[in-house]
Amino acid sequence: MKKVDSNELNLLSMEVILHSGNARSFVFQAVNKASEGDFDQADSLMQEANKQVVIAHKAQTSTLQKEAEGIEIPYSPLFGHAQDTLMTIKTEINLMKEIIKIYKKLKV
């Protein structure tokens, strides 16, 4: 049975963490801009956050597809952390979208 090299998995995990972290940064910048009434910039930053999440998600999915193809994925706390980080930022994006909607209704 083929097996994913642990170094390859570590690099992939760091890619997921990096892009998830970038997304988180964009999301919180977006909410800050919305709180200032700069909704165009807030929307632009949310789009950037989504782009980063897509990159992270593709990296994660490629690994899971390998496992589905019968390629063994070694246990990795770092990969687990990467998946948790991605899941968390996806939730934060959904929450911050709603907060931005509220700011728009209030027209800060």
N, C-alpha and C. Protein backbone atom coordinates (compact mmCIF):
# COMPACT_ATOMS: atom_id res chain seq x y z
N MET A 1 0.84 -1.18 0.00
CA MET A 1 0.00 0.00 0.00
C MET A 1 0.88 1.25 0.00
N LYS A 2 0.53 2.19 -0.83
CA LYS A 2 1.26 3.45 -0.86
C LYS A 2 0.96 4.22 0.42
N LYS A 3 1.89 5.12 0.74
CA LYS A 3 1.75 5.91 1.96
C LYS A 3 2.24 7.33 1.68
N VAL A 4 1.54 8.31 2.20
CA VAL A 4 1.97 9.70 2.07
C VAL A 4 3.16 9.91 3.00
N ASP A 5 4.20 10.50 2.47
CA ASP A 5 5.39 10.82 3.25
C ASP A 5 5.03 11.84 4.34
N SER A 6 5.54 11.64 5.53
CA SER A 6 5.20 12.53 6.64
C SER A 6 5.66 13.96 6.39
N ASN A 7 6.78 14.14 5.70
CA ASN A 7 7.23 15.50 5.37
C ASN A 7 6.26 16.18 4.41
N GLU A 8 5.75 15.40 3.43
CA GLU A 8 4.76 15.93 2.50
C GLU A 8 3.49 16.35 3.25
N LEU A 9 3.07 15.51 4.18
CA LEU A 9 1.88 15.82 4.96
C LEU A 9 2.09 17.05 5.84
N ASN A 10 3.28 17.19 6.40
CA ASN A 10 3.59 18.38 7.21
C ASN A 10 3.54 19.64 6.37
N LEU A 11 4.09 19.58 5.16
CA LEU A 11 4.05 20.75 4.27
C LEU A 11 2.62 21.10 3.89
N LEU A 12 1.85 20.09 3.58
CA LEU A 12 0.45 20.32 3.24
C LEU A 12 -0.31 20.91 4.43
N SER A 13 -0.04 20.38 5.61
CA SER A 13 -0.69 20.88 6.82
C SER A 13 -0.37 22.36 7.04
N MET A 14 0.89 22.71 6.84
CA MET A 14 1.29 24.11 7.00
C MET A 14 0.63 25.00 5.95
N GLU A 15 0.43 24.46 4.74
CA GLU A 15 -0.27 25.22 3.70
C GLU A 15 -1.71 25.51 4.13
N VAL A 16 -2.37 24.52 4.68
CA VAL A 16 -3.75 24.71 5.16
C VAL A 16 -3.77 25.74 6.29
N ILE A 17 -2.86 25.62 7.21
CA ILE A 17 -2.79 26.56 8.35
C ILE A 17 -2.49 27.97 7.86
N LEU A 18 -1.54 28.11 6.95
CA LEU A 18 -1.16 29.42 6.42
C LEU A 18 -2.36 30.12 5.76
N HIS A 19 -3.02 29.41 4.85
CA HIS A 19 -4.12 30.05 4.12
C HIS A 19 -5.34 30.27 5.02
N SER A 20 -5.55 29.38 5.97
CA SER A 20 -6.63 29.60 6.93
C SER A 20 -6.35 30.83 7.79
N GLY A 21 -5.09 30.98 8.19
CA GLY A 21 -4.71 32.15 8.98
C GLY A 21 -4.83 33.44 8.18
N ASN A 22 -4.46 33.38 6.91
CA ASN A 22 -4.63 34.55 6.04
C ASN A 22 -6.10 34.92 5.96
N ALA A 23 -6.95 33.90 5.80
CA ALA A 23 -8.39 34.15 5.72
C ALA A 23 -8.89 34.81 7.00
N ARG A 24 -8.44 34.31 8.13
CA ARG A 24 -8.86 34.89 9.42
C ARG A 24 -8.46 36.37 9.50
N SER A 25 -7.27 36.68 9.07
CA SER A 25 -6.82 38.07 9.08
C SER A 25 -7.72 38.94 8.21
N PHE A 26 -8.03 38.47 7.01
CA PHE A 26 -8.91 39.24 6.12
C PHE A 26 -10.31 39.42 6.73
N VAL A 27 -10.82 38.37 7.36
CA VAL A 27 -12.16 38.44 7.95
C VAL A 27 -12.23 39.52 9.03
N PHE A 28 -11.25 39.52 9.90
CA PHE A 28 -11.30 40.50 10.99
C PHE A 28 -11.01 41.91 10.50
N GLN A 29 -10.20 42.04 9.47
CA GLN A 29 -10.03 43.35 8.84
C GLN A 29 -11.35 43.81 8.24
N ALA A 30 -12.07 42.88 7.61
CA ALA A 30 -13.36 43.21 6.99
C ALA A 30 -14.37 43.71 8.01
N VAL A 31 -14.45 43.03 9.13
CA VAL A 31 -15.39 43.46 10.17
C VAL A 31 -15.00 44.82 10.71
N ASN A 32 -13.71 45.05 10.86
CA ASN A 32 -13.25 46.35 11.32
C ASN A 32 -13.66 47.45 10.33
N LYS A 33 -13.48 47.18 9.04
CA LYS A 33 -13.87 48.16 8.02
C LYS A 33 -15.39 48.38 8.04
N ALA A 34 -16.15 47.31 8.22
CA ALA A 34 -17.61 47.45 8.30
C ALA A 34 -18.00 48.31 9.50
N SER A 35 -17.29 48.13 10.62
CA SER A 35 -17.60 48.92 11.81
C SER A 35 -17.33 50.41 11.60
N GLU A 36 -16.45 50.70 10.63
CA GLU A 36 -16.13 52.09 10.28
C GLU A 36 -17.03 52.61 9.16
N GLY A 37 -17.89 51.73 8.64
CA GLY A 37 -18.78 52.14 7.56
C GLY A 37 -18.20 51.98 6.17
N ASP A 38 -17.03 51.39 6.04
CA ASP A 38 -16.39 51.19 4.74
C ASP A 38 -16.79 49.81 4.21
N PHE A 39 -18.01 49.73 3.69
CA PHE A 39 -18.57 48.44 3.29
C PHE A 39 -17.96 47.90 2.00
N ASP A 40 -17.55 48.77 1.11
CA ASP A 40 -16.90 48.29 -0.11
C ASP A 40 -15.61 47.56 0.23
N GLN A 41 -14.82 48.16 1.11
CA GLN A 41 -13.57 47.52 1.53
C GLN A 41 -13.85 46.25 2.33
N ALA A 42 -14.88 46.28 3.15
CA ALA A 42 -15.25 45.09 3.93
C ALA A 42 -15.62 43.94 2.99
N ASP A 43 -16.41 44.24 1.96
CA ASP A 43 -16.79 43.20 1.01
C ASP A 43 -15.57 42.66 0.26
N SER A 44 -14.67 43.54 -0.12
CA SER A 44 -13.45 43.13 -0.82
C SER A 44 -12.60 42.22 0.06
N LEU A 45 -12.46 42.57 1.32
CA LEU A 45 -11.68 41.75 2.24
C LEU A 45 -12.33 40.39 2.48
N MET A 46 -13.65 40.36 2.51
CA MET A 46 -14.34 39.07 2.67
C MET A 46 -14.11 38.19 1.44
N GLN A 47 -14.06 38.79 0.27
CA GLN A 47 -13.76 38.02 -0.94
C GLN A 47 -12.35 37.43 -0.87
N GLU A 48 -11.41 38.23 -0.37
CA GLU A 48 -10.04 37.73 -0.21
C GLU A 48 -10.00 36.58 0.79
N ALA A 49 -10.77 36.71 1.87
CA ALA A 49 -10.84 35.63 2.86
C ALA A 49 -11.36 34.35 2.22
N ASN A 50 -12.40 34.49 1.41
CA ASN A 50 -12.96 33.32 0.75
C ASN A 50 -11.95 32.67 -0.19
N LYS A 51 -11.18 33.47 -0.90
CA LYS A 51 -10.15 32.93 -1.80
C LYS A 51 -9.13 32.10 -1.01
N GLN A 52 -8.75 32.60 0.15
CA GLN A 52 -7.77 31.88 0.98
C GLN A 52 -8.35 30.58 1.50
N VAL A 53 -9.62 30.59 1.88
CA VAL A 53 -10.26 29.37 2.37
C VAL A 53 -10.35 28.33 1.26
N VAL A 54 -10.63 28.78 0.05
CA VAL A 54 -10.69 27.84 -1.08
C VAL A 54 -9.34 27.15 -1.28
N ILE A 55 -8.26 27.92 -1.21
CA ILE A 55 -6.92 27.34 -1.36
C ILE A 55 -6.66 26.31 -0.25
N ALA A 56 -6.98 26.68 0.98
CA ALA A 56 -6.78 25.76 2.11
C ALA A 56 -7.64 24.51 1.96
N HIS A 57 -8.88 24.71 1.56
CA HIS A 57 -9.80 23.58 1.43
C HIS A 57 -9.34 22.62 0.34
N LYS A 58 -8.84 23.15 -0.77
CA LYS A 58 -8.34 22.29 -1.85
C LYS A 58 -7.16 21.45 -1.37
N ALA A 59 -6.29 22.05 -0.59
CA ALA A 59 -5.13 21.31 -0.07
C ALA A 59 -5.60 20.19 0.86
N GLN A 60 -6.54 20.50 1.72
CA GLN A 60 -7.08 19.48 2.64
C GLN A 60 -7.78 18.37 1.86
N THR A 61 -8.59 18.75 0.89
CA THR A 61 -9.36 17.78 0.13
C THR A 61 -8.46 16.85 -0.67
N SER A 62 -7.37 17.41 -1.20
CA SER A 62 -6.45 16.56 -1.97
C SER A 62 -5.89 15.44 -1.10
N THR A 63 -5.67 15.72 0.16
CA THR A 63 -5.16 14.71 1.08
C THR A 63 -6.23 13.67 1.37
N LEU A 64 -7.43 14.12 1.61
CA LEU A 64 -8.51 13.18 1.90
C LEU A 64 -8.83 12.30 0.69
N GLN A 65 -8.68 12.86 -0.50
CA GLN A 65 -8.90 12.06 -1.71
C GLN A 65 -7.86 10.96 -1.83
N LYS A 66 -6.64 11.26 -1.43
CA LYS A 66 -5.59 10.23 -1.47
C LYS A 66 -5.97 9.06 -0.58
N GLU A 67 -6.50 9.37 0.59
CA GLU A 67 -6.90 8.30 1.50
C GLU A 67 -8.04 7.48 0.88
N ALA A 68 -8.98 8.16 0.22
CA ALA A 68 -10.08 7.46 -0.44
C ALA A 68 -9.59 6.56 -1.58
N GLU A 69 -8.44 6.91 -2.16
CA GLU A 69 -7.84 6.12 -3.24
C GLU A 69 -7.01 4.95 -2.70
N GLY A 70 -6.96 4.81 -1.38
CA GLY A 70 -6.22 3.71 -0.79
C GLY A 70 -4.81 4.04 -0.38
N ILE A 71 -4.44 5.31 -0.50
CA ILE A 71 -3.10 5.74 -0.07
C ILE A 71 -3.16 6.04 1.42
N GLU A 72 -2.29 5.41 2.16
CA GLU A 72 -2.30 5.57 3.62
C GLU A 72 -1.83 6.97 4.01
N ILE A 73 -2.58 7.60 4.90
CA ILE A 73 -2.22 8.91 5.45
C ILE A 73 -1.77 8.67 6.89
N PRO A 74 -0.52 8.95 7.21
CA PRO A 74 -0.08 8.72 8.59
C PRO A 74 -0.77 9.67 9.57
N TYR A 75 -0.92 9.20 10.80
CA TYR A 75 -1.50 10.07 11.82
C TYR A 75 -0.60 11.29 11.99
N SER A 76 -1.23 12.46 12.05
CA SER A 76 -0.46 13.69 12.22
C SER A 76 -1.25 14.70 13.04
N PRO A 77 -0.78 14.99 14.25
CA PRO A 77 -1.44 16.05 15.03
C PRO A 77 -1.45 17.38 14.28
N LEU A 78 -0.42 17.63 13.49
CA LEU A 78 -0.35 18.89 12.74
C LEU A 78 -1.47 18.94 11.70
N PHE A 79 -1.73 17.83 11.01
CA PHE A 79 -2.82 17.80 10.04
C PHE A 79 -4.16 17.96 10.74
N GLY A 80 -4.31 17.35 11.90
CA GLY A 80 -5.53 17.53 12.69
C GLY A 80 -5.73 18.99 13.07
N HIS A 81 -4.66 19.63 13.48
CA HIS A 81 -4.71 21.05 13.82
C HIS A 81 -5.08 21.88 12.59
N ALA A 82 -4.50 21.52 11.45
CA ALA A 82 -4.80 22.25 10.21
C ALA A 82 -6.29 22.15 9.88
N GLN A 83 -6.84 20.95 10.00
CA GLN A 83 -8.26 20.76 9.73
C GLN A 83 -9.12 21.55 10.71
N ASP A 84 -8.76 21.55 11.98
CA ASP A 84 -9.49 22.33 12.98
C ASP A 84 -9.44 23.82 12.67
N THR A 85 -8.27 24.29 12.27
CA THR A 85 -8.11 25.70 11.95
C THR A 85 -8.98 26.09 10.76
N LEU A 86 -8.99 25.26 9.74
CA LEU A 86 -9.83 25.53 8.58
C LEU A 86 -11.31 25.54 8.95
N MET A 87 -11.74 24.55 9.71
CA MET A 87 -13.14 24.48 10.13
C MET A 87 -13.53 25.72 10.93
N THR A 88 -12.65 26.15 11.81
CA THR A 88 -12.93 27.31 12.65
C THR A 88 -13.08 28.58 11.82
N ILE A 89 -12.17 28.79 10.87
CA ILE A 89 -12.25 30.01 10.07
C ILE A 89 -13.48 30.00 9.18
N LYS A 90 -13.89 28.82 8.71
CA LYS A 90 -15.11 28.76 7.91
C LYS A 90 -16.32 29.20 8.75
N THR A 91 -16.33 28.80 10.01
CA THR A 91 -17.39 29.23 10.92
C THR A 91 -17.30 30.74 11.17
N GLU A 92 -16.09 31.23 11.39
CA GLU A 92 -15.91 32.67 11.62
C GLU A 92 -16.37 33.48 10.41
N ILE A 93 -16.09 33.00 9.20
CA ILE A 93 -16.53 33.72 8.01
C ILE A 93 -18.05 33.83 8.00
N ASN A 94 -18.73 32.72 8.29
CA ASN A 94 -20.19 32.76 8.30
C ASN A 94 -20.73 33.72 9.35
N LEU A 95 -20.13 33.72 10.52
CA LEU A 95 -20.56 34.64 11.58
C LEU A 95 -20.29 36.10 11.21
N MET A 96 -19.12 36.36 10.67
CA MET A 96 -18.76 37.74 10.34
C MET A 96 -19.58 38.29 9.18
N LYS A 97 -20.01 37.42 8.27
CA LYS A 97 -20.92 37.86 7.21
C LYS A 97 -22.19 38.42 7.82
N GLU A 98 -22.68 37.74 8.84
CA GLU A 98 -23.90 38.20 9.51
C GLU A 98 -23.66 39.50 10.27
N ILE A 99 -22.52 39.62 10.90
CA ILE A 99 -22.20 40.86 11.62
C ILE A 99 -22.09 42.02 10.64
N ILE A 100 -21.49 41.79 9.50
CA ILE A 100 -21.37 42.85 8.48
C ILE A 100 -22.76 43.25 7.99
N LYS A 101 -23.65 42.28 7.83
CA LYS A 101 -25.04 42.61 7.45
C LYS A 101 -25.68 43.53 8.47
N ILE A 102 -25.43 43.24 9.74
CA ILE A 102 -25.99 44.09 10.80
C ILE A 102 -25.43 45.49 10.71
N TYR A 103 -24.11 45.61 10.52
CA TYR A 103 -23.51 46.94 10.36
C TYR A 103 -24.12 47.68 9.18
N LYS A 104 -24.36 46.98 8.09
CA LYS A 104 -24.96 47.61 6.91
C LYS A 104 -26.37 48.12 7.21
N LYS A 105 -27.13 47.33 7.97
CA LYS A 105 -28.48 47.76 8.34
C LYS A 105 -28.45 48.98 9.25
N LEU A 106 -27.45 49.00 10.13
CA LEU A 106 -27.30 50.14 11.04
C LEU A 106 -26.70 51.34 10.33
N LYS A 107 -26.04 51.09 9.21
CA LYS A 107 -25.35 52.13 8.42
C LYS A 107 -24.50 53.00 9.33
N VAL A 108 -23.56 52.35 9.94
CA VAL A 108 -22.65 52.97 10.91
C VAL A 108 -22.17 54.31 10.41
